[in-house]
Amino acid sequence: MTRVRNYFLTGFVVTAPLAITAYLAWSFVGWVDSWVKPLIPARYNPDSYLPFAVPGFGLIVALALITLVGFLTANIIGRTIVSYGEYFLGRMPLVRNIYRALKQILETVFSERAQTFKKVGLVEYPRKGLWALVFVATEARGEVRHLTNGDDSPTIAVFLPTTPNPTSGYLLYVPKDDIIELEMSVEDGAKLVISAGLVAPEYQAQTKALAEEALAAQPARKRRTASSLPKR
C-alpha cells in the first residue's frame, strides 16, 4: 500500500499541473469566444454552417482585430483619431481616471523600455528580526527621491509580494544599504512566494565558486599540457 500511495502521489504531481494548465487555457479560449463570436456575422461564423462549434475561432478574430487596430494606430491618421478619443475621454470625470490608470499600467507592463524586476532581495519587514522577500525595481524618482534620498544610501523602490498571489503586494521605498540582494532569479523568487516557502531554490554560491576556480585553473592546465608535449 505504501508503494501504491507513492505511485499515486507521483502521478498526481505530474498530471495535476498539466490538467490545471489545460483547464485554464481552455476556459480562457471559451471566455474570449463567448464575447467575440456573437459579434461576428453569421456568414463569416463557421459555427453557423458546421455541425460542431470551432473552439478558438473567436480568439483568432480578436487577435487579428487587435493587431489591425495597432497597425492603424501606428500611422498619422490613426494617432490623430486616438488623440481625439483620449481628449473626449479626458473630459469625462470618472472615466478619465480609470482610462489613464489602465493605460499607464498596460504601457508599463508591455513596454520594451520598461524596467522589470531583475533582482530579488530581503528586507526587515514589518519589524527588525523578521525578513520579507522583495523584488527590487529601481531607484526612487521625482518627489519621493527628493525627500528620501540620503547622501550615502539612495532609496530603492521594491515590491513586497503577498503569498500565494505574487501579483498583489506593497510598494516600499527602502534605503539601498538595508536591502540584502539574493542570487536567486526572479522566477525562483516567485516560486518561493507562491509555494509559501515550500519550493525553495538551491543555494548556488558553492557551485559558482567551484566553477570560477575551475575556469581560473583552466589556462594553467593548458600550459602544463602544452609544456608536457615532446619537442621536435
C-alpha atoms as a PDB file:
ATOM      1  CA  MET A   1       0.000   0.000   0.000  1.00  0.00           C
ATOM      2  CA  THR A   2       2.896   2.359   0.640  1.00  0.00           C
ATOM      3  CA  ARG A   3       4.170   1.840  -2.888  1.00  0.00           C
ATOM      4  CA  VAL A   4       0.690   2.359  -4.323  1.00  0.00           C
ATOM      5  CA  ARG A   5       0.361   5.603  -2.378  1.00  0.00           C
ATOM      6  CA  ASN A   6       3.753   6.805  -3.582  1.00  0.00           C
ATOM      7  CA  TYR A   7       2.855   5.932  -7.179  1.00  0.00           C
ATOM      8  CA  PHE A   8      -0.427   7.818  -6.825  1.00  0.00           C
ATOM      9  CA  LEU A   9       1.256  10.905  -5.372  1.00  0.00           C
ATOM     10  CA  THR A  10       3.901  10.852  -8.097  1.00  0.00           C
ATOM     11  CA  GLY A  11       1.256  10.592 -10.793  1.00  0.00           C
ATOM     12  CA  PHE A  12      -0.763  13.354  -9.170  1.00  0.00           C
ATOM     13  CA  VAL A  13       2.240  15.687  -9.072  1.00  0.00           C
ATOM     14  CA  VAL A  14       2.882  15.019 -12.770  1.00  0.00           C
ATOM     15  CA  THR A  15      -0.695  15.220 -14.066  1.00  0.00           C
ATOM     16  CA  ALA A  16      -2.194  17.935 -11.837  1.00  0.00           C
ATOM     17  CA  PRO A  17      -0.171  20.865 -13.277  1.00  0.00           C
ATOM     18  CA  LEU A  18      -0.888  19.663 -16.826  1.00  0.00           C
ATOM     19  CA  ALA A  19      -4.614  19.317 -16.131  1.00  0.00           C
ATOM     20  CA  ILE A  20      -4.875  22.709 -14.417  1.00  0.00           C
ATOM     21  CA  THR A  21      -2.940  24.429 -17.213  1.00  0.00           C
ATOM     22  CA  ALA A  22      -5.131  22.828 -19.888  1.00  0.00           C
ATOM     23  CA  TYR A  23      -8.279  23.762 -17.972  1.00  0.00           C
ATOM     24  CA  LEU A  24      -7.232  27.408 -17.594  1.00  0.00           C
ATOM     25  CA  ALA A  25      -6.232  27.665 -21.267  1.00  0.00           C
ATOM     26  CA  TRP A  26      -9.496  26.078 -22.413  1.00  0.00           C
ATOM     27  CA  SER A  27     -11.510  28.342 -20.109  1.00  0.00           C
ATOM     28  CA  PHE A  28      -9.738  31.424 -21.467  1.00  0.00           C
ATOM     29  CA  VAL A  29     -10.430  30.385 -25.071  1.00  0.00           C
ATOM     30  CA  GLY A  30     -14.087  29.751 -24.244  1.00  0.00           C
ATOM     31  CA  TRP A  31     -14.388  33.099 -22.465  1.00  0.00           C
ATOM     32  CA  VAL A  32     -12.991  35.007 -25.457  1.00  0.00           C
ATOM     33  CA  ASP A  33     -15.197  33.030 -27.869  1.00  0.00           C
ATOM     34  CA  SER A  34     -18.301  33.857 -25.820  1.00  0.00           C
ATOM     35  CA  TRP A  35     -17.545  37.561 -26.194  1.00  0.00           C
ATOM     36  CA  VAL A  36     -16.377  37.693 -29.816  1.00  0.00           C
ATOM     37  CA  LYS A  37     -18.472  35.084 -31.655  1.00  0.00           C
ATOM     38  CA  PRO A  38     -21.838  36.833 -31.137  1.00  0.00           C
ATOM     39  CA  LEU A  39     -20.363  39.907 -32.856  1.00  0.00           C
ATOM     40  CA  ILE A  40     -19.260  38.002 -35.973  1.00  0.00           C
ATOM     41  CA  PRO A  41     -21.777  37.983 -38.860  1.00  0.00           C
ATOM     42  CA  ALA A  42     -23.409  34.598 -39.437  1.00  0.00           C
ATOM     43  CA  ARG A  43     -21.941  34.142 -42.902  1.00  0.00           C
ATOM     44  CA  TYR A  44     -18.415  34.543 -41.532  1.00  0.00           C
ATOM     45  CA  ASN A  45     -19.003  32.432 -38.434  1.00  0.00           C
ATOM     46  CA  PRO A  46     -18.172  28.748 -39.086  1.00  0.00           C
ATOM     47  CA  ASP A  47     -20.454  27.689 -36.223  1.00  0.00           C
ATOM     48  CA  SER A  48     -23.483  28.719 -38.304  1.00  0.00           C
ATOM     49  CA  TYR A  49     -22.882  26.177 -41.094  1.00  0.00           C
ATOM     50  CA  LEU A  50     -20.778  23.493 -39.405  1.00  0.00           C
ATOM     51  CA  PRO A  51     -22.376  20.738 -37.325  1.00  0.00           C
ATOM     52  CA  PHE A  52     -19.960  21.468 -34.477  1.00  0.00           C
ATOM     53  CA  ALA A  53     -18.531  24.552 -32.807  1.00  0.00           C
ATOM     54  CA  VAL A  54     -14.999  25.647 -33.704  1.00  0.00           C
ATOM     55  CA  PRO A  55     -13.179  26.464 -30.455  1.00  0.00           C
ATOM     56  CA  GLY A  56     -10.696  29.302 -30.637  1.00  0.00           C
ATOM     57  CA  PHE A  57     -12.181  30.996 -33.705  1.00  0.00           C
ATOM     58  CA  GLY A  58     -13.261  33.992 -31.634  1.00  0.00           C
ATOM     59  CA  LEU A  59      -9.784  34.215 -30.119  1.00  0.00           C
ATOM     60  CA  ILE A  60      -8.199  34.260 -33.594  1.00  0.00           C
ATOM     61  CA  VAL A  61     -10.606  37.002 -34.714  1.00  0.00           C
ATOM     62  CA  ALA A  62      -9.868  39.025 -31.560  1.00  0.00           C
ATOM     63  CA  LEU A  63      -6.105  38.760 -32.098  1.00  0.00           C
ATOM     64  CA  ALA A  64      -6.498  39.793 -35.742  1.00  0.00           C
ATOM     65  CA  LEU A  65      -8.638  42.808 -34.808  1.00  0.00           C
ATOM     66  CA  ILE A  66      -6.242  43.918 -32.078  1.00  0.00           C
ATOM     67  CA  THR A  67      -3.326  43.659 -34.497  1.00  0.00           C
ATOM     68  CA  LEU A  68      -5.282  45.644 -37.099  1.00  0.00           C
ATOM     69  CA  VAL A  69      -6.056  48.372 -34.583  1.00  0.00           C
ATOM     70  CA  GLY A  70      -2.376  48.569 -33.677  1.00  0.00           C
ATOM     71  CA  PHE A  71      -1.432  48.821 -37.348  1.00  0.00           C
ATOM     72  CA  LEU A  72      -3.943  51.620 -37.951  1.00  0.00           C
ATOM     73  CA  THR A  73      -2.861  53.462 -34.810  1.00  0.00           C
ATOM     74  CA  ALA A  74       0.777  53.446 -35.943  1.00  0.00           C
ATOM     75  CA  ASN A  75       0.134  55.926 -38.788  1.00  0.00           C
ATOM     76  CA  ILE A  76      -0.682  59.620 -38.597  1.00  0.00           C
ATOM     77  CA  ILE A  77      -4.418  59.243 -39.174  1.00  0.00           C
ATOM     78  CA  GLY A  78      -4.731  56.591 -36.506  1.00  0.00           C
ATOM     79  CA  ARG A  79      -2.763  58.624 -33.978  1.00  0.00           C
ATOM     80  CA  THR A  80      -4.985  61.622 -34.699  1.00  0.00           C
ATOM     81  CA  ILE A  81      -8.135  59.589 -34.085  1.00  0.00           C
ATOM     82  CA  VAL A  82      -6.707  58.154 -30.872  1.00  0.00           C
ATOM     83  CA  SER A  83      -5.698  61.623 -29.657  1.00  0.00           C
ATOM     84  CA  TYR A  84      -9.224  62.942 -30.262  1.00  0.00           C
ATOM     85  CA  GLY A  85     -10.685  59.917 -28.485  1.00  0.00           C
ATOM     86  CA  GLU A  86      -8.380  60.453 -25.497  1.00  0.00           C
ATOM     87  CA  TYR A  87      -9.337  64.130 -25.483  1.00  0.00           C
ATOM     88  CA  PHE A  88     -13.035  63.283 -25.183  1.00  0.00           C
ATOM     89  CA  LEU A  89     -12.331  60.643 -22.526  1.00  0.00           C
ATOM     90  CA  GLY A  90     -10.310  63.217 -20.622  1.00  0.00           C
ATOM     91  CA  ARG A  91     -13.410  65.398 -20.378  1.00  0.00           C
ATOM     92  CA  MET A  92     -15.366  62.706 -18.522  1.00  0.00           C
ATOM     93  CA  PRO A  93     -14.876  62.985 -14.745  1.00  0.00           C
ATOM     94  CA  LEU A  94     -14.957  59.314 -13.713  1.00  0.00           C
ATOM     95  CA  VAL A  95     -13.988  57.597 -16.946  1.00  0.00           C
ATOM     96  CA  ARG A  96     -10.777  59.576 -17.430  1.00  0.00           C
ATOM     97  CA  ASN A  97      -9.286  58.381 -14.140  1.00  0.00           C
ATOM     98  CA  ILE A  98      -9.991  54.736 -14.947  1.00  0.00           C
ATOM     99  CA  TYR A  99      -8.706  55.081 -18.522  1.00  0.00           C
ATOM    100  CA  ARG A 100      -5.480  56.851 -17.569  1.00  0.00           C
ATOM    101  CA  ALA A 101      -4.706  54.365 -14.800  1.00  0.00           C
ATOM    102  CA  LEU A 102      -5.304  51.331 -17.025  1.00  0.00           C
ATOM    103  CA  LYS A 103      -3.335  52.843 -19.894  1.00  0.00           C
ATOM    104  CA  GLN A 104      -0.357  53.625 -17.675  1.00  0.00           C
ATOM    105  CA  ILE A 105      -0.363  50.122 -16.207  1.00  0.00           C
ATOM    106  CA  LEU A 106      -0.532  48.430 -19.629  1.00  0.00           C
ATOM    107  CA  GLU A 107       2.144  50.704 -21.099  1.00  0.00           C
ATOM    108  CA  THR A 108       4.429  49.901 -18.181  1.00  0.00           C
ATOM    109  CA  VAL A 109       3.848  46.146 -18.446  1.00  0.00           C
ATOM    110  CA  PHE A 110       4.139  45.800 -22.226  1.00  0.00           C
ATOM    111  CA  SER A 111       6.690  48.495 -22.992  1.00  0.00           C
ATOM    112  CA  GLU A 112      10.054  47.065 -24.013  1.00  0.00           C
ATOM    113  CA  ARG A 113      11.767  50.046 -22.427  1.00  0.00           C
ATOM    114  CA  ALA A 114      10.181  49.490 -19.030  1.00  0.00           C
ATOM    115  CA  GLN A 115      12.493  48.346 -16.263  1.00  0.00           C
ATOM    116  CA  THR A 116      11.310  44.989 -14.997  1.00  0.00           C
ATOM    117  CA  PHE A 117      12.269  43.238 -11.794  1.00  0.00           C
ATOM    118  CA  LYS A 118      15.780  41.899 -12.184  1.00  0.00           C
ATOM    119  CA  LYS A 119      16.821  41.120  -8.629  1.00  0.00           C
ATOM    120  CA  VAL A 120      15.421  39.512  -5.502  1.00  0.00           C
ATOM    121  CA  GLY A 121      16.274  40.767  -2.056  1.00  0.00           C
ATOM    122  CA  LEU A 122      15.490  40.597   1.646  1.00  0.00           C
ATOM    123  CA  VAL A 123      14.389  43.475   3.864  1.00  0.00           C
ATOM    124  CA  GLU A 124      13.488  43.540   7.531  1.00  0.00           C
ATOM    125  CA  TYR A 125       9.713  43.920   7.497  1.00  0.00           C
ATOM    126  CA  PRO A 126       7.416  44.597   9.309  1.00  0.00           C
ATOM    127  CA  ARG A 127       9.961  44.875  12.148  1.00  0.00           C
ATOM    128  CA  LYS A 128      13.586  44.050  12.840  1.00  0.00           C
ATOM    129  CA  GLY A 129      14.252  40.343  13.055  1.00  0.00           C
ATOM    130  CA  LEU A 130      11.542  39.453  10.513  1.00  0.00           C
ATOM    131  CA  TRP A 131      12.701  39.129   6.912  1.00  0.00           C
ATOM    132  CA  ALA A 132      10.481  39.590   3.856  1.00  0.00           C
ATOM    133  CA  LEU A 133      11.225  38.659   0.251  1.00  0.00           C
ATOM    134  CA  VAL A 134      11.052  41.610  -2.159  1.00  0.00           C
ATOM    135  CA  PHE A 135      11.594  42.231  -5.866  1.00  0.00           C
ATOM    136  CA  VAL A 136      13.981  45.103  -6.478  1.00  0.00           C
ATOM    137  CA  ALA A 137      12.638  47.589  -9.032  1.00  0.00           C
ATOM    138  CA  THR A 138      14.626  50.818  -9.440  1.00  0.00           C
ATOM    139  CA  GLU A 139      15.813  53.902  -7.611  1.00  0.00           C
ATOM    140  CA  ALA A 140      13.214  56.327  -6.328  1.00  0.00           C
ATOM    141  CA  ARG A 141      12.265  59.141  -8.669  1.00  0.00           C
ATOM    142  CA  GLY A 142      10.584  62.501  -8.546  1.00  0.00           C
ATOM    143  CA  GLU A 143       9.324  63.861  -5.266  1.00  0.00           C
ATOM    144  CA  VAL A 144       9.981  60.615  -3.403  1.00  0.00           C
ATOM    145  CA  ARG A 145      13.645  60.703  -4.423  1.00  0.00           C
ATOM    146  CA  HIS A 146      13.941  64.370  -3.430  1.00  0.00           C
ATOM    147  CA  LEU A 147      12.527  63.781   0.028  1.00  0.00           C
ATOM    148  CA  THR A 148      14.017  60.382   0.913  1.00  0.00           C
ATOM    149  CA  ASN A 149      17.408  60.023  -0.776  1.00  0.00           C
ATOM    150  CA  GLY A 150      20.343  60.248   1.568  1.00  0.00           C
ATOM    151  CA  ASP A 151      23.915  61.167   0.754  1.00  0.00           C
ATOM    152  CA  ASP A 152      25.352  57.694   1.349  1.00  0.00           C
ATOM    153  CA  SER A 153      22.456  55.316   0.634  1.00  0.00           C
ATOM    154  CA  PRO A 154      19.947  56.044  -2.164  1.00  0.00           C
ATOM    155  CA  THR A 155      16.344  54.961  -1.749  1.00  0.00           C
ATOM    156  CA  ILE A 156      15.245  51.947  -3.796  1.00  0.00           C
ATOM    157  CA  ALA A 157      11.680  51.050  -4.805  1.00  0.00           C
ATOM    158  CA  VAL A 158      10.912  47.410  -4.005  1.00  0.00           C
ATOM    159  CA  PHE A 159       7.791  45.319  -4.427  1.00  0.00           C
ATOM    160  CA  LEU A 160       6.753  43.155  -1.494  1.00  0.00           C
ATOM    161  CA  PRO A 161       4.519  40.347  -2.873  1.00  0.00           C
ATOM    162  CA  THR A 162       1.875  38.527  -0.896  1.00  0.00           C
ATOM    163  CA  THR A 163       1.508  34.758  -0.569  1.00  0.00           C
ATOM    164  CA  PRO A 164       0.258  32.825  -2.506  1.00  0.00           C
ATOM    165  CA  ASN A 165      -0.630  35.545  -5.055  1.00  0.00           C
ATOM    166  CA  PRO A 166       2.550  37.432  -6.036  1.00  0.00           C
ATOM    167  CA  THR A 167       0.641  39.826  -8.320  1.00  0.00           C
ATOM    168  CA  SER A 168      -0.620  41.744  -5.283  1.00  0.00           C
ATOM    169  CA  GLY A 169       1.541  43.314  -2.624  1.00  0.00           C
ATOM    170  CA  TYR A 170       3.023  46.523  -1.304  1.00  0.00           C
ATOM    171  CA  LEU A 171       5.320  49.175  -2.759  1.00  0.00           C
ATOM    172  CA  LEU A 172       8.080  50.050  -0.302  1.00  0.00           C
ATOM    173  CA  TYR A 173      10.880  52.594  -0.518  1.00  0.00           C
ATOM    174  CA  VAL A 174      13.893  51.203   1.308  1.00  0.00           C
ATOM    175  CA  PRO A 175      17.459  52.502   1.710  1.00  0.00           C
ATOM    176  CA  LYS A 176      19.813  50.544  -0.531  1.00  0.00           C
ATOM    177  CA  ASP A 177      22.033  49.565   2.391  1.00  0.00           C
ATOM    178  CA  ASP A 178      19.054  47.873   4.083  1.00  0.00           C
ATOM    179  CA  ILE A 179      18.457  45.500   1.146  1.00  0.00           C
ATOM    180  CA  ILE A 180      20.249  42.143   1.035  1.00  0.00           C
ATOM    181  CA  GLU A 181      20.406  41.050  -2.594  1.00  0.00           C
ATOM    182  CA  LEU A 182      19.978  37.337  -3.280  1.00  0.00           C
ATOM    183  CA  GLU A 183      21.471  35.201  -6.040  1.00  0.00           C
ATOM    184  CA  MET A 184      18.166  33.558  -6.958  1.00  0.00           C
ATOM    185  CA  SER A 185      16.345  34.653 -10.108  1.00  0.00           C
ATOM    186  CA  VAL A 186      13.030  36.488 -10.148  1.00  0.00           C
ATOM    187  CA  GLU A 187      11.318  33.276 -11.322  1.00  0.00           C
ATOM    188  CA  ASP A 188      12.713  31.345  -8.356  1.00  0.00           C
ATOM    189  CA  GLY A 189      11.615  34.139  -6.038  1.00  0.00           C
ATOM    190  CA  ALA A 190       8.087  33.989  -7.442  1.00  0.00           C
ATOM    191  CA  LYS A 191       8.032  30.206  -6.910  1.00  0.00           C
ATOM    192  CA  LEU A 192       9.145  30.724  -3.343  1.00  0.00           C
ATOM    193  CA  VAL A 193       6.317  33.196  -2.725  1.00  0.00           C
ATOM    194  CA  ILE A 194       3.623  31.118  -4.457  1.00  0.00           C
ATOM    195  CA  SER A 195       4.562  27.948  -2.554  1.00  0.00           C
ATOM    196  CA  ALA A 196       4.740  29.812   0.780  1.00  0.00           C
ATOM    197  CA  GLY A 197       8.358  28.766   1.196  1.00  0.00           C
ATOM    198  CA  LEU A 198       7.868  25.092   0.358  1.00  0.00           C
ATOM    199  CA  VAL A 199       9.653  25.273  -3.023  1.00  0.00           C
ATOM    200  CA  ALA A 200      12.999  26.918  -2.312  1.00  0.00           C
ATOM    201  CA  PRO A 201      15.772  27.152  -4.939  1.00  0.00           C
ATOM    202  CA  GLU A 202      19.094  25.583  -4.104  1.00  0.00           C
ATOM    203  CA  TYR A 203      21.851  27.864  -2.916  1.00  0.00           C
ATOM    204  CA  GLN A 204      24.313  28.019  -5.791  1.00  0.00           C
ATOM    205  CA  ALA A 205      27.123  30.009  -4.176  1.00  0.00           C
ATOM    206  CA  GLN A 206      29.339  26.949  -3.637  1.00  0.00           C
ATOM    207  CA  THR A 207      28.724  25.712  -7.181  1.00  0.00           C
ATOM    208  CA  LYS A 208      29.511  29.167  -8.548  1.00  0.00           C
ATOM    209  CA  ALA A 209      32.766  29.326  -6.575  1.00  0.00           C
ATOM    210  CA  LEU A 210      33.834  25.892  -7.834  1.00  0.00           C
ATOM    211  CA  ALA A 211      33.057  26.913 -11.421  1.00  0.00           C
ATOM    212  CA  GLU A 212      35.138  30.087 -11.048  1.00  0.00           C
ATOM    213  CA  GLU A 213      38.048  28.095  -9.607  1.00  0.00           C
ATOM    214  CA  ALA A 214      37.833  25.613 -12.472  1.00  0.00           C
ATOM    215  CA  LEU A 215      37.753  28.432 -15.009  1.00  0.00           C
ATOM    216  CA  ALA A 216      40.733  30.134 -13.408  1.00  0.00           C
ATOM    217  CA  ALA A 217      42.705  26.874 -13.359  1.00  0.00           C
ATOM    218  CA  GLN A 218      41.927  26.060 -16.992  1.00  0.00           C
ATOM    219  CA  PRO A 219      44.729  28.192 -18.567  1.00  0.00           C
ATOM    220  CA  ALA A 220      47.243  26.687 -16.126  1.00  0.00           C
ATOM    221  CA  ARG A 221      46.204  23.174 -17.149  1.00  0.00           C
ATOM    222  CA  LYS A 222      46.556  24.128 -20.793  1.00  0.00           C
ATOM    223  CA  ARG A 223      50.039  25.494 -20.153  1.00  0.00           C
ATOM    224  CA  ARG A 224      51.045  22.324 -18.339  1.00  0.00           C
ATOM    225  CA  THR A 225      49.655  20.213 -21.160  1.00  0.00           C
ATOM    226  CA  ALA A 226      51.486  22.237 -23.776  1.00  0.00           C
ATOM    227  CA  SER A 227      54.773  22.062 -21.844  1.00  0.00           C
ATOM    228  CA  SER A 228      54.436  18.302 -21.439  1.00  0.00           C
ATOM    229  CA  LEU A 229      54.326  17.707 -25.203  1.00  0.00           C
ATOM    230  CA  PRO A 230      57.557  16.380 -26.699  1.00  0.00           C
ATOM    231  CA  LYS A 231      59.601  18.967 -28.560  1.00  0.00           C
ATOM    232  CA  ARG A 232      60.535  18.303 -32.144  1.00  0.00           C
END
